[in-house]
Protein backbone atom coordinates (compact mmCIF):
# COMPACT_ATOMS: atom_id res chain seq x y z
CA MET A 1 8.53 -63.62 13.24
CA ASN A 2 9.43 -64.93 16.72
CA LYS A 3 12.78 -66.93 15.63
CA GLU A 4 13.80 -64.29 13.54
CA MET A 5 16.76 -61.47 14.77
CA ILE A 6 15.52 -57.82 15.40
CA VAL A 7 17.62 -55.24 16.41
CA PRO A 8 17.80 -51.50 16.47
CA VAL A 9 18.68 -49.18 13.41
CA SER A 10 22.06 -48.24 16.18
CA SER A 11 23.27 -51.58 15.86
CA LEU A 12 23.12 -52.15 12.23
CA VAL A 13 24.88 -48.93 11.38
CA LEU A 14 27.73 -49.82 14.28
CA LYS A 15 27.99 -52.90 12.38
CA ILE A 16 27.91 -51.47 8.96
CA LYS A 17 30.91 -48.91 10.22
CA SER A 18 33.06 -51.88 12.27
CA VAL A 19 32.69 -53.69 8.97
CA LEU A 20 34.14 -50.77 6.90
CA GLN A 21 37.11 -49.85 9.22
CA SER A 22 37.92 -53.64 9.71
CA THR A 23 38.12 -54.12 6.16
CA ILE A 24 39.05 -51.46 4.41
CA GLN A 25 42.66 -50.37 4.48
CA LEU A 26 43.42 -46.80 2.80
CA ASN A 27 46.91 -45.77 4.86
CA ASN A 28 49.13 -46.10 0.91
CA ILE A 29 46.09 -44.42 -0.95
CA TRP A 30 45.47 -41.09 -1.87
CA ILE A 31 42.68 -39.74 -2.99
CA GLN A 32 42.54 -37.39 -6.13
CA GLY A 33 39.31 -35.06 -6.49
CA GLU A 34 38.00 -31.56 -6.46
CA VAL A 35 36.60 -29.79 -3.73
CA SER A 36 33.52 -28.74 -3.37
CA ASN A 37 30.67 -26.73 -1.16
CA LEU A 38 33.33 -25.93 1.46
CA THR A 39 32.05 -24.64 5.13
CA LYS A 40 34.91 -23.78 7.26
CA HIS A 41 32.91 -24.38 10.94
CA ARG A 42 33.95 -21.92 13.48
CA SER A 43 35.24 -24.62 15.87
CA GLY A 44 38.01 -24.92 12.81
CA HIS A 45 36.55 -28.31 11.15
CA TYR A 46 36.24 -28.31 7.50
CA TYR A 47 33.43 -29.48 6.20
CA PHE A 48 33.44 -30.55 2.33
CA ILE A 49 32.94 -32.68 -0.80
CA VAL A 50 35.35 -33.96 -3.08
CA LYS A 51 34.60 -35.00 -6.68
CA ASP A 52 35.38 -35.84 -10.27
CA ASP A 53 33.42 -36.09 -13.42
CA LYS A 54 31.52 -39.53 -11.75
CA ALA A 55 31.26 -39.77 -8.61
CA LEU A 56 30.94 -37.68 -5.01
CA LEU A 57 32.75 -38.35 -1.60
CA ASN A 58 31.29 -36.34 2.03
CA CYS A 59 34.42 -35.06 3.57
CA VAL A 60 35.76 -33.77 6.90
CA MET A 61 38.68 -32.21 8.43
CA PHE A 62 39.08 -32.05 12.04
CA ALA A 63 40.50 -28.91 13.62
CA SER A 64 43.53 -30.70 14.84
CA ASN A 65 44.55 -31.48 11.15
CA ALA A 66 43.27 -29.08 9.25
CA SER A 67 45.13 -26.58 11.83
CA ARG A 68 48.61 -27.86 10.18
CA LEU A 69 47.85 -27.49 6.48
CA PRO A 70 51.10 -25.77 4.57
CA PHE A 71 48.33 -24.05 2.54
CA VAL A 72 44.59 -22.43 2.35
CA LEU A 73 42.09 -24.65 1.15
CA GLU A 74 39.77 -23.24 -1.13
CA GLU A 75 36.70 -24.00 -3.00
CA GLY A 76 37.10 -25.61 -6.89
CA MET A 77 41.08 -26.95 -5.58
CA LYS A 78 42.03 -29.91 -6.68
CA ILE A 79 43.77 -32.11 -4.07
CA LEU A 80 45.33 -35.41 -2.78
CA MET A 81 44.12 -36.67 0.45
CA GLN A 82 44.38 -39.56 3.07
CA GLY A 83 42.63 -40.38 5.30
CA ASN A 84 39.92 -43.68 6.67
CA VAL A 85 36.06 -44.23 5.95
CA ASN A 86 33.81 -44.02 8.65
CA VAL A 87 30.18 -43.85 9.30
CA TYR A 88 28.51 -41.12 10.68
CA GLU A 89 26.11 -42.83 13.09
CA THR A 90 23.66 -39.94 13.58
CA SER A 91 22.90 -39.70 9.85
CA GLY A 92 23.23 -43.04 8.96
CA THR A 93 26.15 -41.23 6.21
CA LEU A 94 29.44 -42.62 4.44
CA GLN A 95 32.08 -39.91 5.25
CA PHE A 96 35.78 -39.88 4.96
CA VAL A 97 37.67 -38.50 7.65
CA VAL A 98 40.62 -36.96 6.17
CA LYS A 99 44.14 -36.69 7.88
CA THR A 100 46.16 -35.26 5.82
CA MET A 101 45.56 -33.39 2.44
CA LYS A 102 48.01 -31.57 -0.09
CA GLU A 103 47.19 -29.57 -3.30
CA ASP A 104 47.15 -30.87 -6.68
CA GLY A 105 46.56 -27.82 -8.62
CA ILE A 106 43.35 -25.73 -9.14
CA GLY A 107 40.75 -26.71 -11.65
CA ASN A 108 41.86 -24.92 -14.87
CA LEU A 109 37.93 -24.14 -15.76
CA TYR A 110 37.52 -22.51 -12.03
CA LEU A 111 40.53 -20.45 -12.55
CA GLU A 112 38.40 -19.20 -16.19
CA PHE A 113 35.68 -18.72 -14.25
CA GLU A 114 36.91 -16.66 -11.84
CA LYS A 115 38.44 -14.49 -14.42
CA ARG A 116 35.80 -13.61 -16.49
CA LYS A 117 33.76 -13.05 -13.30
CA ARG A 118 36.14 -10.45 -12.11
CA MET A 119 36.26 -8.89 -15.53
CA LEU A 120 32.85 -8.89 -16.15
CA GLN A 121 32.00 -7.48 -12.81
CA ASP A 122 34.68 -4.61 -13.16
CA LEU A 123 32.93 -3.41 -16.97
CA GLY A 124 29.37 -3.34 -14.99
CA TYR A 125 27.22 -6.07 -16.25
CA PHE A 126 26.37 -7.42 -13.05
CA ASP A 127 25.62 -3.84 -11.80
CA GLU A 128 21.99 -4.06 -10.00
CA ASN A 129 20.72 -1.07 -11.20
CA HIS A 130 20.90 -2.24 -15.04
CA LYS A 131 18.72 -5.16 -14.28
CA LYS A 132 14.90 -4.69 -15.25
CA GLU A 133 12.05 -4.63 -13.27
CA LYS A 134 9.36 -7.43 -13.19
CA PRO A 135 6.48 -7.17 -15.72
CA ALA A 136 3.08 -6.56 -13.91
CA ILE A 137 1.82 -8.71 -15.96
CA ILE A 138 3.35 -11.64 -17.77
CA ASN A 139 0.99 -13.93 -20.25
CA ASN A 140 3.58 -14.92 -22.66
CA ILE A 141 6.73 -15.89 -22.13
CA GLY A 142 10.21 -17.31 -24.25
CA ILE A 143 11.74 -20.65 -22.88
CA ILE A 144 15.42 -21.18 -24.08
CA THR A 145 16.52 -24.30 -23.46
CA ALA A 146 17.27 -28.52 -25.13
CA ARG A 147 14.15 -29.54 -26.52
CA GLU A 148 14.52 -32.79 -25.05
CA GLY A 149 15.49 -31.58 -21.57
CA ALA A 150 14.00 -32.21 -18.10
CA ALA A 151 13.99 -28.44 -17.55
CA LEU A 152 11.39 -28.39 -20.16
CA GLN A 153 9.15 -30.48 -18.55
CA ASP A 154 9.63 -28.94 -15.46
CA VAL A 155 8.71 -25.48 -16.24
CA ILE A 156 6.02 -26.31 -18.38
CA ARG A 157 4.12 -28.56 -16.09
CA THR A 158 4.55 -25.70 -13.06
CA ILE A 159 3.45 -23.05 -15.26
CA ARG A 160 0.01 -25.31 -16.66
CA SER A 161 -0.46 -26.27 -13.08
CA ARG A 162 -0.20 -22.08 -11.83
CA TRP A 163 -1.36 -20.34 -14.23
CA PRO A 164 -3.06 -22.62 -18.07
CA MET A 165 -3.76 -19.43 -19.59
CA MET A 166 0.17 -18.81 -20.20
CA GLU A 167 1.50 -18.84 -23.78
CA MET A 168 4.84 -20.38 -24.40
CA LYS A 169 7.12 -20.59 -26.96
CA LEU A 170 10.39 -23.04 -27.11
CA TYR A 171 13.26 -21.41 -28.06
CA PRO A 172 15.06 -24.82 -28.34
CA ALA A 173 19.12 -24.89 -27.41
CA TYR A 174 22.01 -26.97 -26.74
CA VAL A 175 23.00 -26.78 -23.14
CA GLN A 176 26.25 -28.47 -22.65
CA GLY A 177 29.12 -29.27 -24.79
CA LYS A 178 31.26 -27.21 -27.86
CA GLN A 179 28.14 -25.37 -29.62
CA ALA A 180 26.34 -25.13 -26.19
CA ALA A 181 27.28 -20.68 -25.73
CA LYS A 182 26.63 -19.66 -29.48
CA SER A 183 23.52 -21.95 -29.85
CA LEU A 184 21.98 -20.14 -26.62
CA VAL A 185 23.25 -16.92 -27.77
CA LEU A 186 21.19 -17.15 -30.90
CA GLN A 187 18.27 -17.86 -29.47
CA ILE A 188 18.03 -15.37 -26.91
CA GLN A 189 18.67 -12.44 -29.81
CA LYS A 190 15.76 -14.38 -31.33
CA ALA A 191 13.56 -14.39 -28.51
CA ASP A 192 13.98 -11.07 -27.79
CA SER A 193 12.64 -9.85 -30.76
CA GLN A 194 9.77 -11.37 -30.63
CA GLY A 195 8.00 -8.97 -27.75
CA HIS A 196 7.58 -11.84 -25.26
CA ASP A 197 6.90 -10.33 -21.38
CA ALA A 198 9.46 -12.31 -20.27
CA LEU A 199 12.30 -14.94 -21.21
CA LEU A 200 13.35 -18.01 -19.18
CA VAL A 201 16.74 -19.62 -19.65
CA VAL A 202 16.71 -23.02 -17.61
CA ARG A 203 19.15 -26.00 -17.88
CA GLY A 204 18.55 -28.99 -14.98
CA GLY A 205 21.69 -29.71 -12.48
CA GLY A 206 25.24 -31.05 -13.72
CA SER A 207 28.64 -30.75 -13.10
CA PHE A 208 30.40 -27.60 -13.03
CA GLU A 209 31.72 -28.58 -16.20
CA ASP A 210 28.56 -29.30 -17.91
CA LEU A 211 27.62 -25.79 -17.02
CA PHE A 212 30.42 -23.67 -18.27
CA CYS A 213 28.92 -22.84 -21.15
CA PHE A 214 26.55 -20.63 -19.42
CA ASN A 215 29.48 -18.82 -18.05
CA ASP A 216 30.40 -17.95 -21.15
CA VAL A 217 31.64 -14.13 -22.18
CA ASP A 218 29.39 -13.78 -25.05
CA LEU A 219 26.40 -14.82 -23.23
CA VAL A 220 26.46 -12.33 -20.49
CA LYS A 221 26.88 -10.25 -23.07
CA THR A 222 23.87 -10.71 -24.97
CA ILE A 223 21.73 -11.12 -22.00
CA TYR A 224 22.87 -7.83 -20.63
CA ALA A 225 22.07 -5.90 -24.50
CA CYS A 226 18.19 -7.71 -24.48
CA HIS A 227 15.40 -5.29 -23.86
CA THR A 228 13.12 -7.88 -22.39
CA TYR A 229 12.99 -8.99 -19.00
CA ILE A 230 15.01 -12.47 -18.23
CA VAL A 231 15.19 -15.29 -15.95
CA SER A 232 17.77 -17.66 -15.53
CA GLY A 233 17.33 -21.22 -13.35
CA VAL A 234 20.16 -23.00 -14.06
CA GLY A 235 21.19 -25.97 -12.49
CA HIS A 236 20.63 -26.01 -8.56
CA GLU A 237 20.69 -24.01 -6.03
CA VAL A 238 24.36 -24.74 -5.07
CA ASP A 239 25.38 -23.87 -8.54
CA THR A 240 26.29 -19.86 -9.90
CA THR A 241 27.14 -19.40 -13.32
CA LEU A 242 27.54 -16.37 -14.95
CA CYS A 243 24.69 -16.21 -16.67
CA ASP A 244 22.75 -15.82 -13.05
CA LEU A 245 25.00 -12.87 -12.52
CA VAL A 246 23.63 -10.95 -15.45
CA SER A 247 20.11 -12.22 -15.41
CA ASP A 248 17.02 -9.85 -14.26
CA HIS A 249 16.44 -12.26 -11.59
CA ARG A 250 18.35 -15.65 -10.75
CA ALA A 251 15.68 -18.76 -9.60
CA VAL A 252 17.06 -21.65 -7.93
CA THR A 253 15.62 -24.10 -10.53
CA PRO A 254 14.20 -24.24 -13.72
CA THR A 255 11.07 -25.13 -11.38
CA ALA A 256 11.65 -22.19 -9.16
CA ALA A 257 11.78 -19.80 -12.55
CA ALA A 258 8.32 -20.97 -13.41
CA GLN A 259 7.19 -20.33 -10.38
CA TRP A 260 8.64 -17.22 -10.65
CA VAL A 261 6.82 -15.31 -13.65
CA SER A 262 3.51 -17.07 -13.32
CA LEU A 263 0.62 -16.11 -11.16
CA ASN A 264 -1.10 -19.09 -8.87
CA ILE A 265 -4.45 -19.19 -10.65
CA TYR A 266 -6.29 -20.59 -7.73
CA GLU A 267 -4.84 -17.44 -5.32
CA GLU A 268 -5.98 -14.82 -7.77
CA HIS A 269 -9.13 -16.92 -7.99
CA LYS A 270 -9.29 -16.07 -3.84
CA LEU A 271 -7.80 -12.62 -4.88
CA LEU A 272 -11.01 -12.03 -7.16
CA LEU A 273 -13.74 -13.61 -5.12
CA LYS A 274 -12.83 -11.01 -1.80
CA ARG A 275 -12.67 -7.94 -4.31
CA GLU A 276 -16.01 -8.81 -5.74
CA GLN A 277 -17.59 -9.39 -2.24
CA MET A 278 -15.45 -5.90 -1.63
CA LEU A 279 -17.75 -4.27 -4.43
CA ILE A 280 -20.76 -5.20 -3.84
CA ASP A 281 -20.49 -4.54 0.01
CA SER A 282 -19.80 -1.10 -1.09
CA MET A 283 -22.56 -0.66 -3.65
CA LYS A 284 -25.09 -2.11 -1.09
CA HIS A 285 -23.93 0.35 1.31
CA LYS A 286 -24.29 3.50 -1.82
CA LEU A 287 -27.75 2.35 -2.80
CA LYS A 288 -28.80 2.34 1.22
CA GLN A 289 -27.53 5.76 1.27
CA ALA A 290 -29.29 6.72 -1.87
CA HIS A 291 -32.54 5.39 -0.81
CA LEU A 292 -32.17 6.88 2.21
CA ARG A 293 -32.29 10.41 0.66
CA LEU A 294 -34.65 9.49 -1.88
CA ASP A 295 -37.13 8.57 1.15
CA LYS A 296 -36.26 12.36 2.50
CA VAL A 297 -37.02 13.94 -0.35
CA GLU A 298 -40.42 12.09 -1.00
CA SER A 299 -41.57 12.49 2.45
CA HIS A 300 -41.34 16.24 1.71
CA PRO A 301 -44.84 18.00 1.89
CA TYR A 302 -43.97 19.60 -1.46
CA MET A 303 -43.21 15.92 -3.08
CA GLN A 304 -46.88 15.12 -1.85
CA ASP A 305 -48.86 18.00 -3.08
CA PRO A 306 -46.67 20.67 -4.43
CA MET A 307 -49.95 23.20 -5.37
CA ASN A 308 -51.03 22.70 -2.08
CA TYR A 309 -48.06 23.43 0.04
CA ILE A 310 -47.49 26.82 -2.15
CA SER A 311 -50.78 27.40 -1.22
CA ASP A 312 -50.84 26.92 2.42
CA LYS A 313 -47.20 28.87 2.00
CA TYR A 314 -48.93 31.79 0.38
CA LEU A 315 -51.68 32.00 2.90
CA LEU A 316 -49.59 31.69 5.80
CA LEU A 317 -47.45 34.64 4.34
CA ASP A 318 -50.46 37.10 3.76
CA SER A 319 -51.24 36.30 7.66
CA TYR A 320 -47.13 37.40 8.42
CA ILE A 321 -48.19 40.60 6.44
CA ASN A 322 -51.56 41.44 7.75
CA LYS A 323 -49.97 41.05 11.29
CA LEU A 324 -46.89 43.28 10.39
CA ASP A 325 -49.02 45.78 9.00
CA ALA A 326 -51.38 45.39 11.87
CA TYR A 327 -48.65 46.08 14.46
CA LYS A 328 -47.07 48.77 12.07
CA MET A 329 -50.26 50.72 12.70
CA ASP A 330 -50.17 49.95 16.02
CA ILE A 331 -46.90 51.50 16.51
CA LEU A 332 -48.19 54.87 14.93
CA ASN A 333 -51.15 55.19 16.44
CA LYS A 334 -48.81 54.62 19.76
CA GLU A 335 -45.98 57.36 18.68
CA SER A 336 -48.84 59.81 18.12
CA ASP A 337 -51.08 59.49 21.07
CA ILE A 338 -46.76 59.81 22.79
CA THR A 339 -46.33 63.04 21.16
CA ASN A 340 -50.20 63.89 22.61
CA LYS A 341 -49.43 63.17 25.95
CA ILE A 342 -45.62 64.65 25.86
CA GLN A 343 -47.57 67.98 24.48
CA LEU A 344 -49.87 67.60 27.60
CA LEU A 345 -47.30 67.23 29.95
CA ASN A 346 -45.65 70.11 29.09
CA GLN A 347 -48.22 72.06 29.53
CA LEU A 348 -49.45 70.75 32.87
CA MET A 349 -45.97 71.20 33.91
CA ILE A 350 -45.50 74.71 32.60
CA SER A 351 -48.69 75.49 34.43
CA ASN A 352 -48.23 74.05 37.44
CA LEU A 353 -44.96 76.07 37.57
CA ASP A 354 -46.73 79.23 37.29
CA ASN A 355 -49.01 78.06 40.01
CA GLN A 356 -45.80 77.61 41.78
CA ARG A 357 -44.00 80.52 41.09
CA HIS A 358 -47.32 82.37 42.63
CA THR A 359 -47.48 80.30 45.62
CA PHE A 360 -43.51 80.52 46.52
CA GLN A 361 -41.83 83.24 46.06
CA SER A 362 -38.69 81.67 47.07
CA LYS A 363 -35.45 81.79 44.70
CA ASP A 364 -34.19 78.41 45.81
CA LEU A 365 -37.50 76.58 45.95
CA GLU A 366 -37.74 77.89 42.28
CA GLY A 367 -34.36 76.81 41.08
CA ALA A 368 -35.18 73.18 42.77
CA LEU A 369 -38.72 73.33 40.57
CA GLN A 370 -36.61 74.05 37.63
CA ASN A 371 -34.10 71.00 38.32
CA TYR A 372 -37.33 68.52 39.08
CA TYR A 373 -39.04 69.73 35.53
CA LYS A 374 -35.47 69.30 33.85
CA ASN A 375 -35.13 65.96 35.21
CA GLN A 376 -38.79 64.72 34.26
CA VAL A 377 -38.14 65.94 30.72
CA PHE A 378 -35.17 64.17 30.39
CA THR A 379 -36.23 60.97 31.70
CA PHE A 380 -39.24 61.61 29.59
CA SER A 381 -37.25 61.67 25.99
CA LYS A 382 -34.96 58.86 27.22
CA ASN A 383 -38.07 56.72 27.08
CA VAL A 384 -39.50 57.94 24.78
CA SER A 385 -36.05 57.29 22.49
CA LEU A 386 -35.70 53.69 23.97
CA LEU A 387 -39.21 53.00 22.72
CA ASP A 388 -38.38 54.40 19.31
CA ALA A 389 -35.00 52.35 19.45
CA TYR A 390 -36.74 49.52 20.30
CA SER A 391 -39.47 49.66 17.51
CA PRO A 392 -39.59 47.25 14.71
CA LEU A 393 -39.82 49.84 12.17
CA LYS A 394 -37.20 51.35 12.99
CA THR A 395 -34.93 48.34 13.11
CA LEU A 396 -36.24 47.76 9.67
CA SER A 397 -35.06 51.41 8.84
CA ARG A 398 -31.71 50.53 9.45
CA GLY A 399 -30.97 48.25 6.82
CA TYR A 400 -31.70 44.82 8.85
CA SER A 401 -35.39 42.44 7.65
CA ILE A 402 -37.37 39.59 8.98
CA VAL A 403 -37.18 36.70 7.27
CA SER A 404 -40.06 33.72 8.14
CA LYS A 405 -40.90 30.43 6.65
CA ASP A 406 -44.05 28.67 9.04
CA THR A 407 -42.83 31.39 12.02
CA ILE A 408 -40.33 33.74 12.17
CA ILE A 409 -36.61 32.43 11.86
CA LYS A 410 -34.57 32.95 14.80
CA SER A 411 -31.74 29.99 13.91
CA ILE A 412 -29.92 28.50 10.82
CA ASP A 413 -31.46 25.06 12.22
CA ASP A 414 -34.70 26.14 11.25
CA ILE A 415 -34.61 26.19 7.43
CA HIS A 416 -32.96 23.76 4.42
CA ILE A 417 -31.25 23.88 1.56
CA ASN A 418 -34.47 24.25 -0.92
CA ASP A 419 -36.95 25.94 1.52
CA THR A 420 -38.80 28.92 0.09
CA VAL A 421 -38.80 32.18 3.02
CA SER A 422 -39.99 35.72 2.97
CA ILE A 423 -38.16 38.48 3.70
CA THR A 424 -39.54 41.85 4.95
CA LEU A 425 -37.84 45.23 4.37
CA LYS A 426 -38.60 48.70 5.57
CA ASP A 427 -40.49 49.64 2.28
CA GLY A 428 -41.75 46.36 0.69
CA LYS A 429 -41.22 41.87 0.94
CA ALA A 430 -39.57 39.44 -1.13
CA LYS A 431 -39.70 35.77 -1.64
CA ALA A 432 -35.65 33.80 -1.65
CA ILE A 433 -34.91 30.36 -1.99
CA ILE A 434 -32.04 28.93 0.43
CA SER A 435 -29.29 27.59 -1.21
CA ASN A 436 -26.65 27.03 1.37
CA LYS A 437 -26.22 27.96 4.80
CA GLU A 438 -23.56 27.97 7.63
CA LYS A 439 -23.71 27.57 11.02
CA ILE A 440 -21.52 30.46 12.90
CA GLU A 441 -20.77 30.76 16.80
CA TRP A 442 -20.29 34.23 17.55
CA GLN A 443 -17.91 34.88 20.69
CA LYS A 444 -19.74 36.64 23.38
CA ASN A 445 -17.47 39.10 25.26
């Protein structure tokens, strides 16, 4: 190790760059190719790829040279360019630094692509409102692609790893060449009639020419007329075909198309476990509440010994009735006593007035006594009326009633649903079971 030379990466890249620049002279060579992946930076520099059917070359044209171009550089143009080979040290990539450029015509296929795209777009074939929504459940798919292609293996491998229970059926079609467009149309029509949840039209990457069969007008119209949800996964992310534009969903690769139509079994399993736990917790809570209500019912005296509970209530009711009868009799006796005392008082007052008349002859004194008598009679009558008004029997005679359970009920909080209560009216008694109750806050003036 000590005898070997050790150099940093930057030194090696600089050495390669020096060798290329000193040995490769391109001043008299024009490079021909088609522009792809064109980026016009805000600085004025152009970054793009020039390619043919066998190779591609990363290129850069700095703003000082790009600003002098006599034409507008566009994607798909065929060009002739001159410049030098350079190695971009930071990334270690080979670049062609373009000094001058001229048009070599625009690719016929690209022109045809743009023509078809404008025509189909004007006719509404790419309208987003026509695209079908993704089915909520996809368990059966049809795959339209080449039987031996890598795209099919990518789709199968992806779906088997994510959602192994997916049913898949292959509809083999050519995906390149003159017969490809017609083959794709026939297989899509066949697959559309088989009742699949979704169809995948997929193909791996390739050149613009290789993928051109997916720009066929009849193919676009066939996809547009399909009743089945269609996913297009043709080429790579940078490739865009008319098949992509008309399909219900465009995936950037066949693998992405397979991911789009399949669930992730591991994520779904986690979701099911989470929902299972939520159901268990909810059921435990409901059972706990039900047990609490059951314990409350079971602890009620009626549930312990129904007959004894009812007997106690009957005895208590009889005692209330006896007390009420006693109160009634006492009130009647007091009313009779009051009447007798009123009569006696009248007699005494009359006797006193007669005596006073004999004693006092003055009209003024007699008038005063008469006024005194009237005041006493009025006060007495008022007190008797008040006593009568506050009598329980008087209250009952006005339509009121006395409701009792163990004791006289004074508040809505003293009774509960299904309680048996006794109701005393002015002329009898009744029993009732509470089926509903409502608390009211009365406003006080």
